[in-house]
C-alpha atoms as a PDB file:
ATOM      1  CA  MET A   1     109.478 177.383  98.759  1.00  0.00           C
ATOM      2  CA  GLN A   2     111.862 177.230  96.040  1.00  0.00           C
ATOM      3  CA  ARG A   3     111.596 179.769  92.703  1.00  0.00           C
ATOM      4  CA  TYR A   4     111.844 178.269  89.621  1.00  0.00           C
ATOM      5  CA  LYS A   5     112.874 179.767  86.216  1.00  0.00           C
ATOM      6  CA  CYS A   6     111.498 177.846  82.767  1.00  0.00           C
ATOM      7  CA  ILE A   7     111.779 178.335  79.325  1.00  0.00           C
ATOM      8  CA  ILE A   8     108.562 176.749  77.353  1.00  0.00           C
ATOM      9  CA  SER A   9     107.502 176.241  74.128  1.00  0.00           C
ATOM     10  CA  TYR A  10     104.285 176.489  71.972  1.00  0.00           C
ATOM     11  CA  ASP A  11     102.092 176.140  68.956  1.00  0.00           C
ATOM     12  CA  GLY A  12      99.744 179.042  68.999  1.00  0.00           C
ATOM     13  CA  ILE A  13      97.445 177.830  67.276  1.00  0.00           C
ATOM     14  CA  GLY A  14      95.244 175.594  69.563  1.00  0.00           C
ATOM     15  CA  PHE A  15      95.211 178.268  72.575  1.00  0.00           C
ATOM     16  CA  SER A  16      93.365 181.735  73.075  1.00  0.00           C
ATOM     17  CA  GLY A  17      96.642 183.292  73.711  1.00  0.00           C
ATOM     18  CA  TYR A  18      99.111 182.711  76.843  1.00  0.00           C
ATOM     19  CA  GLN A  19      96.786 184.395  79.442  1.00  0.00           C
ATOM     20  CA  VAL A  20      94.259 182.737  81.461  1.00  0.00           C
ATOM     21  CA  GLN A  21      90.924 183.896  80.128  1.00  0.00           C
ATOM     22  CA  PRO A  22      87.494 182.642  81.435  1.00  0.00           C
ATOM     23  CA  ASN A  23      86.139 179.340  79.274  1.00  0.00           C
ATOM     24  CA  LYS A  24      88.918 179.309  76.991  1.00  0.00           C
ATOM     25  CA  ARG A  25      92.403 177.018  76.612  1.00  0.00           C
ATOM     26  CA  THR A  26      95.321 179.079  77.005  1.00  0.00           C
ATOM     27  CA  VAL A  27      98.660 178.418  77.399  1.00  0.00           C
ATOM     28  CA  GLN A  28      98.798 179.276  81.549  1.00  0.00           C
ATOM     29  CA  SER A  29      96.035 177.569  82.424  1.00  0.00           C
ATOM     30  CA  GLU A  30      96.859 174.570  81.042  1.00  0.00           C
ATOM     31  CA  LEU A  31     100.593 175.161  82.958  1.00  0.00           C
ATOM     32  CA  GLU A  32      98.740 175.969  86.194  1.00  0.00           C
ATOM     33  CA  ALA A  33      96.523 172.876  85.942  1.00  0.00           C
ATOM     34  CA  VAL A  34      99.074 170.721  85.719  1.00  0.00           C
ATOM     35  CA  LEU A  35     101.093 172.530  88.609  1.00  0.00           C
ATOM     36  CA  ALA A  36      98.100 172.096  90.417  1.00  0.00           C
ATOM     37  CA  LYS A  37      98.275 168.448  89.631  1.00  0.00           C
ATOM     38  CA  MET A  38     101.729 167.819  90.825  1.00  0.00           C
ATOM     39  CA  HIS A  39     101.208 169.763  94.136  1.00  0.00           C
ATOM     40  CA  LYS A  40      98.051 167.915  94.811  1.00  0.00           C
ATOM     41  CA  GLY A  41      95.324 170.350  94.471  1.00  0.00           C
ATOM     42  CA  MET A  42      97.193 173.259  95.779  1.00  0.00           C
ATOM     43  CA  ALA A  43      97.103 176.260  93.271  1.00  0.00           C
ATOM     44  CA  VAL A  44     100.394 177.630  91.574  1.00  0.00           C
ATOM     45  CA  LYS A  45     100.803 180.953  90.009  1.00  0.00           C
ATOM     46  CA  VAL A  46     102.519 181.609  86.950  1.00  0.00           C
ATOM     47  CA  SER A  47     103.983 184.193  85.700  1.00  0.00           C
ATOM     48  CA  ALA A  48     105.454 184.915  82.406  1.00  0.00           C
ATOM     49  CA  SER A  49     107.780 187.409  80.279  1.00  0.00           C
ATOM     50  CA  GLY A  50     104.833 188.590  78.450  1.00  0.00           C
ATOM     51  CA  ARG A  51     101.477 187.821  76.643  1.00  0.00           C
ATOM     52  CA  THR A  52     100.968 186.198  73.914  1.00  0.00           C
ATOM     53  CA  ASP A  53      97.732 186.351  71.296  1.00  0.00           C
ATOM     54  CA  ALA A  54      95.776 183.827  70.236  1.00  0.00           C
ATOM     55  CA  GLY A  55      97.745 181.947  67.406  1.00  0.00           C
ATOM     56  CA  VAL A  56     100.835 183.504  68.232  1.00  0.00           C
ATOM     57  CA  HIS A  57     103.781 180.647  69.099  1.00  0.00           C
ATOM     58  CA  ALA A  58     106.571 180.897  71.122  1.00  0.00           C
ATOM     59  CA  LYS A  59     109.980 179.331  70.874  1.00  0.00           C
ATOM     60  CA  GLY A  60     111.606 180.473  74.206  1.00  0.00           C
ATOM     61  CA  GLN A  61     108.458 182.152  76.320  1.00  0.00           C
ATOM     62  CA  VAL A  62     109.577 182.631  79.991  1.00  0.00           C
ATOM     63  CA  ILE A  63     108.341 181.779  82.691  1.00  0.00           C
ATOM     64  CA  HIS A  64     108.392 181.538  86.698  1.00  0.00           C
ATOM     65  CA  PHE A  65     106.814 179.628  89.653  1.00  0.00           C
ATOM     66  CA  ASP A  66     107.106 178.986  93.255  1.00  0.00           C
ATOM     67  CA  SER A  67     107.247 175.330  94.538  1.00  0.00           C
ATOM     68  CA  PRO A  68     107.858 173.520  97.967  1.00  0.00           C
ATOM     69  CA  LEU A  69     108.232 170.072  96.033  1.00  0.00           C
ATOM     70  CA  VAL A  70     111.963 168.474  96.253  1.00  0.00           C
ATOM     71  CA  ILE A  71     112.226 167.095  93.133  1.00  0.00           C
ATOM     72  CA  PRO A  72     116.060 166.480  91.243  1.00  0.00           C
ATOM     73  CA  MET A  73     116.507 169.489  89.059  1.00  0.00           C
ATOM     74  CA  GLU A  74     117.191 167.200  86.048  1.00  0.00           C
ATOM     75  CA  LYS A  75     113.525 165.655  86.774  1.00  0.00           C
ATOM     76  CA  TRP A  76     111.639 168.695  86.821  1.00  0.00           C
ATOM     77  CA  ALA A  77     111.146 169.141  82.849  1.00  0.00           C
ATOM     78  CA  MET A  78     110.662 165.258  82.459  1.00  0.00           C
ATOM     79  CA  ALA A  79     107.859 165.051  85.292  1.00  0.00           C
ATOM     80  CA  LEU A  80     106.126 168.539  83.653  1.00  0.00           C
ATOM     81  CA  ASN A  81     106.352 167.546  80.040  1.00  0.00           C
ATOM     82  CA  SER A  82     104.746 163.845  81.199  1.00  0.00           C
ATOM     83  CA  LEU A  83     101.585 165.995  81.981  1.00  0.00           C
ATOM     84  CA  LEU A  84     101.583 168.818  79.375  1.00  0.00           C
ATOM     85  CA  PRO A  85      99.572 168.528  76.143  1.00  0.00           C
ATOM     86  CA  ASP A  86     101.535 167.739  72.847  1.00  0.00           C
ATOM     87  CA  ASP A  87     101.586 171.458  71.628  1.00  0.00           C
ATOM     88  CA  LEU A  88     103.143 173.256  74.936  1.00  0.00           C
ATOM     89  CA  SER A  89     106.831 171.883  76.211  1.00  0.00           C
ATOM     90  CA  VAL A  90     109.065 172.675  78.864  1.00  0.00           C
ATOM     91  CA  LEU A  91     112.430 173.289  77.517  1.00  0.00           C
ATOM     92  CA  SER A  92     114.458 173.837  80.712  1.00  0.00           C
ATOM     93  CA  VAL A  93     113.822 174.676  84.387  1.00  0.00           C
ATOM     94  CA  GLU A  94     116.332 175.995  86.667  1.00  0.00           C
ATOM     95  CA  LYS A  95     116.416 177.215  89.961  1.00  0.00           C
ATOM     96  CA  ALA A  96     116.222 181.175  90.200  1.00  0.00           C
ATOM     97  CA  LYS A  97     116.714 183.850  93.114  1.00  0.00           C
ATOM     98  CA  ASP A  98     113.431 184.822  95.047  1.00  0.00           C
ATOM     99  CA  THR A  99     113.492 187.971  93.630  1.00  0.00           C
ATOM    100  CA  PHE A 100     113.425 186.895  89.944  1.00  0.00           C
ATOM    101  CA  HIS A 101     110.713 187.820  87.634  1.00  0.00           C
ATOM    102  CA  ALA A 102     110.190 186.326  84.410  1.00  0.00           C
ATOM    103  CA  ARG A 103     108.457 189.742  83.071  1.00  0.00           C
ATOM    104  CA  TYR A 104     110.255 192.596  84.724  1.00  0.00           C
ATOM    105  CA  ASP A 105     113.809 191.097  85.220  1.00  0.00           C
ATOM    106  CA  ALA A 106     113.495 190.715  81.695  1.00  0.00           C
ATOM    107  CA  ILE A 107     115.861 193.375  79.335  1.00  0.00           C
ATOM    108  CA  GLY A 108     114.799 192.754  75.533  1.00  0.00           C
ATOM    109  CA  LYS A 109     113.275 189.875  73.515  1.00  0.00           C
ATOM    110  CA  GLU A 110     113.150 188.605  70.182  1.00  0.00           C
ATOM    111  CA  TYR A 111     110.585 188.210  67.867  1.00  0.00           C
ATOM    112  CA  ARG A 112     110.932 186.532  64.464  1.00  0.00           C
ATOM    113  CA  TYR A 113     107.626 186.545  61.797  1.00  0.00           C
ATOM    114  CA  TYR A 114     107.471 184.369  59.065  1.00  0.00           C
ATOM    115  CA  LEU A 115     105.965 184.845  55.504  1.00  0.00           C
ATOM    116  CA  GLN A 116     105.394 181.890  52.900  1.00  0.00           C
ATOM    117  CA  MET A 117     106.128 183.350  49.706  1.00  0.00           C
ATOM    118  CA  SER A 118     104.233 181.345  47.342  1.00  0.00           C
ATOM    119  CA  SER A 119     101.409 181.869  45.034  1.00  0.00           C
ATOM    120  CA  VAL A 120     100.716 177.958  46.262  1.00  0.00           C
ATOM    121  CA  ARG A 121      99.192 177.523  49.215  1.00  0.00           C
ATOM    122  CA  ASP A 122     101.136 174.883  51.874  1.00  0.00           C
ATOM    123  CA  PRO A 123      98.396 172.985  53.700  1.00  0.00           C
ATOM    124  CA  PHE A 124     101.656 171.984  56.227  1.00  0.00           C
ATOM    125  CA  GLN A 125     102.911 175.730  56.581  1.00  0.00           C
ATOM    126  CA  ARG A 126      99.103 177.223  56.845  1.00  0.00           C
ATOM    127  CA  ASN A 127      99.515 177.199  60.786  1.00  0.00           C
ATOM    128  CA  TYR A 128     103.025 178.555  60.991  1.00  0.00           C
ATOM    129  CA  ALA A 129     103.511 180.844  58.425  1.00  0.00           C
ATOM    130  CA  TYR A 130     101.471 183.694  56.612  1.00  0.00           C
ATOM    131  CA  GLN A 131     101.310 182.914  52.960  1.00  0.00           C
ATOM    132  CA  TYR A 132     102.056 186.093  50.899  1.00  0.00           C
ATOM    133  CA  PRO A 133     101.643 185.606  46.961  1.00  0.00           C
ATOM    134  CA  TYR A 134     102.539 189.147  45.850  1.00  0.00           C
ATOM    135  CA  LYS A 135     105.427 189.928  44.646  1.00  0.00           C
ATOM    136  CA  LEU A 136     107.712 192.258  47.136  1.00  0.00           C
ATOM    137  CA  ASP A 137     110.677 194.786  47.057  1.00  0.00           C
ATOM    138  CA  LEU A 138     113.083 193.396  49.810  1.00  0.00           C
ATOM    139  CA  GLU A 139     115.757 195.890  48.960  1.00  0.00           C
ATOM    140  CA  THR A 140     113.086 198.641  49.655  1.00  0.00           C
ATOM    141  CA  ILE A 141     111.534 197.063  52.699  1.00  0.00           C
ATOM    142  CA  LYS A 142     115.169 196.594  54.103  1.00  0.00           C
ATOM    143  CA  GLU A 143     115.430 200.601  53.604  1.00  0.00           C
ATOM    144  CA  ALA A 144     112.467 201.587  55.559  1.00  0.00           C
ATOM    145  CA  SER A 145     113.072 199.252  58.281  1.00  0.00           C
ATOM    146  CA  GLN A 146     116.254 201.136  59.324  1.00  0.00           C
ATOM    147  CA  TYR A 147     113.967 204.060  60.246  1.00  0.00           C
ATOM    148  CA  LEU A 148     112.323 202.233  62.719  1.00  0.00           C
ATOM    149  CA  ILE A 149     115.982 201.073  64.480  1.00  0.00           C
ATOM    150  CA  GLY A 150     116.289 203.041  67.648  1.00  0.00           C
ATOM    151  CA  THR A 151     114.402 204.893  70.409  1.00  0.00           C
ATOM    152  CA  HIS A 152     110.976 206.006  69.316  1.00  0.00           C
ATOM    153  CA  ASP A 153     107.447 206.407  70.518  1.00  0.00           C
ATOM    154  CA  PHE A 154     105.544 203.549  68.823  1.00  0.00           C
ATOM    155  CA  THR A 155     102.026 204.658  69.496  1.00  0.00           C
ATOM    156  CA  SER A 156     101.096 204.519  65.543  1.00  0.00           C
ATOM    157  CA  PHE A 157     102.429 201.184  65.870  1.00  0.00           C
ATOM    158  CA  CYS A 158     100.408 199.034  68.517  1.00  0.00           C
ATOM    159  CA  SER A 159      96.854 198.662  68.730  1.00  0.00           C
ATOM    160  CA  ALA A 160      94.216 201.029  69.538  1.00  0.00           C
ATOM    161  CA  LYS A 161      93.733 198.679  72.818  1.00  0.00           C
ATOM    162  CA  THR A 162      96.874 199.403  74.368  1.00  0.00           C
ATOM    163  CA  GLU A 163      96.551 200.114  77.937  1.00  0.00           C
ATOM    164  CA  ILE A 164     100.150 200.858  78.479  1.00  0.00           C
ATOM    165  CA  GLU A 165     100.674 204.605  78.706  1.00  0.00           C
ATOM    166  CA  ASP A 166     104.385 204.778  78.393  1.00  0.00           C
ATOM    167  CA  ARG A 167     104.502 203.646  74.167  1.00  0.00           C
ATOM    168  CA  ILE A 168     108.653 204.491  74.253  1.00  0.00           C
ATOM    169  CA  ARG A 169     110.971 201.128  73.266  1.00  0.00           C
ATOM    170  CA  THR A 170     113.942 200.631  71.873  1.00  0.00           C
ATOM    171  CA  ILE A 171     113.850 198.582  68.607  1.00  0.00           C
ATOM    172  CA  ASN A 172     117.916 196.920  68.141  1.00  0.00           C
ATOM    173  CA  ALA A 173     118.096 195.294  65.164  1.00  0.00           C
ATOM    174  CA  ILE A 174     115.834 194.142  62.594  1.00  0.00           C
ATOM    175  CA  GLU A 175     117.217 191.783  60.472  1.00  0.00           C
ATOM    176  CA  ILE A 176     115.108 190.529  57.011  1.00  0.00           C
ATOM    177  CA  THR A 177     116.109 187.434  55.247  1.00  0.00           C
ATOM    178  CA  LEU A 178     115.186 184.488  52.966  1.00  0.00           C
ATOM    179  CA  GLU A 179     115.066 181.151  54.446  1.00  0.00           C
ATOM    180  CA  GLY A 180     114.125 178.888  51.170  1.00  0.00           C
ATOM    181  CA  ASP A 181     110.132 179.873  50.388  1.00  0.00           C
ATOM    182  CA  LYS A 182     109.784 182.210  53.871  1.00  0.00           C
ATOM    183  CA  LEU A 183     110.712 185.417  55.039  1.00  0.00           C
ATOM    184  CA  CYS A 184     111.984 186.017  58.095  1.00  0.00           C
ATOM    185  CA  PHE A 185     111.512 189.205  60.057  1.00  0.00           C
ATOM    186  CA  ARG A 186     113.955 189.579  63.132  1.00  0.00           C
ATOM    187  CA  PHE A 187     113.155 191.671  65.718  1.00  0.00           C
ATOM    188  CA  VAL A 188     115.312 192.436  68.897  1.00  0.00           C
ATOM    189  CA  GLY A 189     114.291 195.564  71.315  1.00  0.00           C
ATOM    190  CA  ASN A 190     113.609 196.177  74.627  1.00  0.00           C
ATOM    191  CA  GLY A 191     110.154 195.321  74.664  1.00  0.00           C
ATOM    192  CA  PHE A 192     107.177 195.323  72.489  1.00  0.00           C
ATOM    193  CA  LEU A 193     103.823 196.738  72.630  1.00  0.00           C
ATOM    194  CA  TYR A 194     100.539 194.737  71.811  1.00  0.00           C
ATOM    195  CA  ASN A 195     100.534 193.551  68.174  1.00  0.00           C
ATOM    196  CA  MET A 196     103.524 196.009  67.924  1.00  0.00           C
ATOM    197  CA  VAL A 197     105.670 193.448  66.015  1.00  0.00           C
ATOM    198  CA  ARG A 198     102.212 192.245  63.340  1.00  0.00           C
ATOM    199  CA  ILE A 199     101.800 195.576  62.989  1.00  0.00           C
ATOM    200  CA  LEU A 200     105.368 196.810  61.954  1.00  0.00           C
ATOM    201  CA  VAL A 201     105.245 193.620  59.560  1.00  0.00           C
ATOM    202  CA  GLY A 202     101.757 194.758  58.033  1.00  0.00           C
ATOM    203  CA  THR A 203     103.630 198.382  57.288  1.00  0.00           C
ATOM    204  CA  LEU A 204     106.751 197.006  55.687  1.00  0.00           C
ATOM    205  CA  LEU A 205     104.821 194.631  53.112  1.00  0.00           C
ATOM    206  CA  GLU A 206     102.916 197.555  52.070  1.00  0.00           C
ATOM    207  CA  VAL A 207     106.053 199.173  51.524  1.00  0.00           C
ATOM    208  CA  GLY A 208     107.400 196.316  49.970  1.00  0.00           C
ATOM    209  CA  THR A 209     104.487 196.300  47.342  1.00  0.00           C
ATOM    210  CA  GLY A 210     104.614 200.028  46.592  1.00  0.00           C
ATOM    211  CA  ASP A 211     102.025 201.484  48.363  1.00  0.00           C
ATOM    212  CA  ARG A 212     104.194 203.347  50.478  1.00  0.00           C
ATOM    213  CA  LEU A 213     107.820 204.733  50.677  1.00  0.00           C
ATOM    214  CA  PRO A 214     110.209 203.882  52.907  1.00  0.00           C
ATOM    215  CA  SER A 215     110.784 207.776  53.514  1.00  0.00           C
ATOM    216  CA  ASP A 216     107.102 207.698  54.708  1.00  0.00           C
ATOM    217  CA  ILE A 217     108.132 206.219  58.030  1.00  0.00           C
ATOM    218  CA  PRO A 218     109.419 208.371  60.092  1.00  0.00           C
ATOM    219  CA  ASP A 219     106.130 210.747  59.026  1.00  0.00           C
ATOM    220  CA  ILE A 220     104.298 207.413  60.383  1.00  0.00           C
ATOM    221  CA  ILE A 221     106.065 207.168  63.695  1.00  0.00           C
ATOM    222  CA  ALA A 222     106.087 211.238  64.296  1.00  0.00           C
ATOM    223  CA  LYS A 223     101.788 211.253  64.093  1.00  0.00           C
ATOM    224  CA  ARG A 224     101.412 208.448  66.715  1.00  0.00           C
ATOM    225  CA  ASP A 225      98.048 207.554  65.656  1.00  0.00           C
ATOM    226  CA  ARG A 226      97.438 203.747  64.721  1.00  0.00           C
ATOM    227  CA  ARG A 227      95.248 204.775  61.699  1.00  0.00           C
ATOM    228  CA  PHE A 228      99.043 206.429  59.874  1.00  0.00           C
ATOM    229  CA  ALA A 229     100.360 202.690  59.671  1.00  0.00           C
ATOM    230  CA  GLY A 230      99.962 199.282  58.005  1.00  0.00           C
ATOM    231  CA  LYS A 231      97.585 196.561  58.204  1.00  0.00           C
ATOM    232  CA  THR A 232      97.939 194.163  61.583  1.00  0.00           C
ATOM    233  CA  ALA A 233      99.887 190.913  60.061  1.00  0.00           C
ATOM    234  CA  PRO A 234      97.879 187.618  60.739  1.00  0.00           C
ATOM    235  CA  GLY A 235      99.104 186.383  64.327  1.00  0.00           C
ATOM    236  CA  HIS A 236      99.740 182.596  63.341  1.00  0.00           C
ATOM    237  CA  GLY A 237     103.355 183.964  61.233  1.00  0.00           C
ATOM    238  CA  LEU A 238     104.615 185.454  64.679  1.00  0.00           C
ATOM    239  CA  TYR A 239     107.082 183.395  67.062  1.00  0.00           C
ATOM    240  CA  LEU A 240     108.322 184.901  70.600  1.00  0.00           C
ATOM    241  CA  TRP A 241     111.743 183.465  69.983  1.00  0.00           C
ATOM    242  CA  LYS A 242     113.705 184.459  73.024  1.00  0.00           C
ATOM    243  CA  VAL A 243     113.751 186.542  76.354  1.00  0.00           C
ATOM    244  CA  PHE A 244     116.830 188.464  77.274  1.00  0.00           C
ATOM    245  CA  TYR A 245     118.048 188.758  80.892  1.00  0.00           C
ATOM    246  CA  LYS A 246     121.203 190.093  82.806  1.00  0.00           C
END
C-alpha cells in the first residue's frame, strides 16, 4: 500500500463544501467516488489539509490517500482527471511517506480573498470575487491589519459554531494589494479557524469604510467574543491558495 500526496484545485460554487455530507455534492465525495471506480469498488478514504465551506475555492488544497494500484507516477494525475468533473482538478501527485498526513503535517496556510471594486456588477465575476461598490480607505485598512499580525487568541474572529477550544493562531503576514479592479487580501499563518479569514476581511472592510478605527482591533481581539468583530464576508471571494509543509 502506497500513500500519495496530491495538490488539487476546485471551483467551490458547485460544491456544498469540501467534507462529505449526506445527499450533498462535496469535493471529498467526488474524489472518493472516482477513487472507488479506479479501485473496482473498493472504498478509498481521502484526507485533506482542512475543510472549505460551500462556495469557497481552492487553488492549492492538499489531500492524501493510500492505494495498492501500480500506476506510473506521471499517469496518476491523468487517470484521476479523466474521471473527475470539470470543476475539480488534480494538479500533481507524488509518493509520500506512510506517516504523512495532509492535515496534521501542515505547518501553515495561505488564503486570499478577492473584492471586485466596482459599482457595476460583472456577471463573469459574480462567483469568484465579492462585488464591493463602496469607497475604501486602503491605508486605514493596512494600518488595522498590522494589529492582527502575530500570535493571538482569535475567538472574536471565528464562527460561534467553532468546536475547537484552542483558538490561538499566528498570522505571519497580511498583504492588501490592488490587482486591476480587484482588491486582494492575502493572509499567511500557521492555521485558521472556522470562518476566520472571512470575518477578518469583513472587519477590515468596516475599518475601510470608517465604521471602525484601526485602533479598535486590539480591543476586539482582547474581548474574545464573536459579537464584537465585523460581518462574515461571503464565501465566494475566498481561495485556499497554498498549504505549507516542512
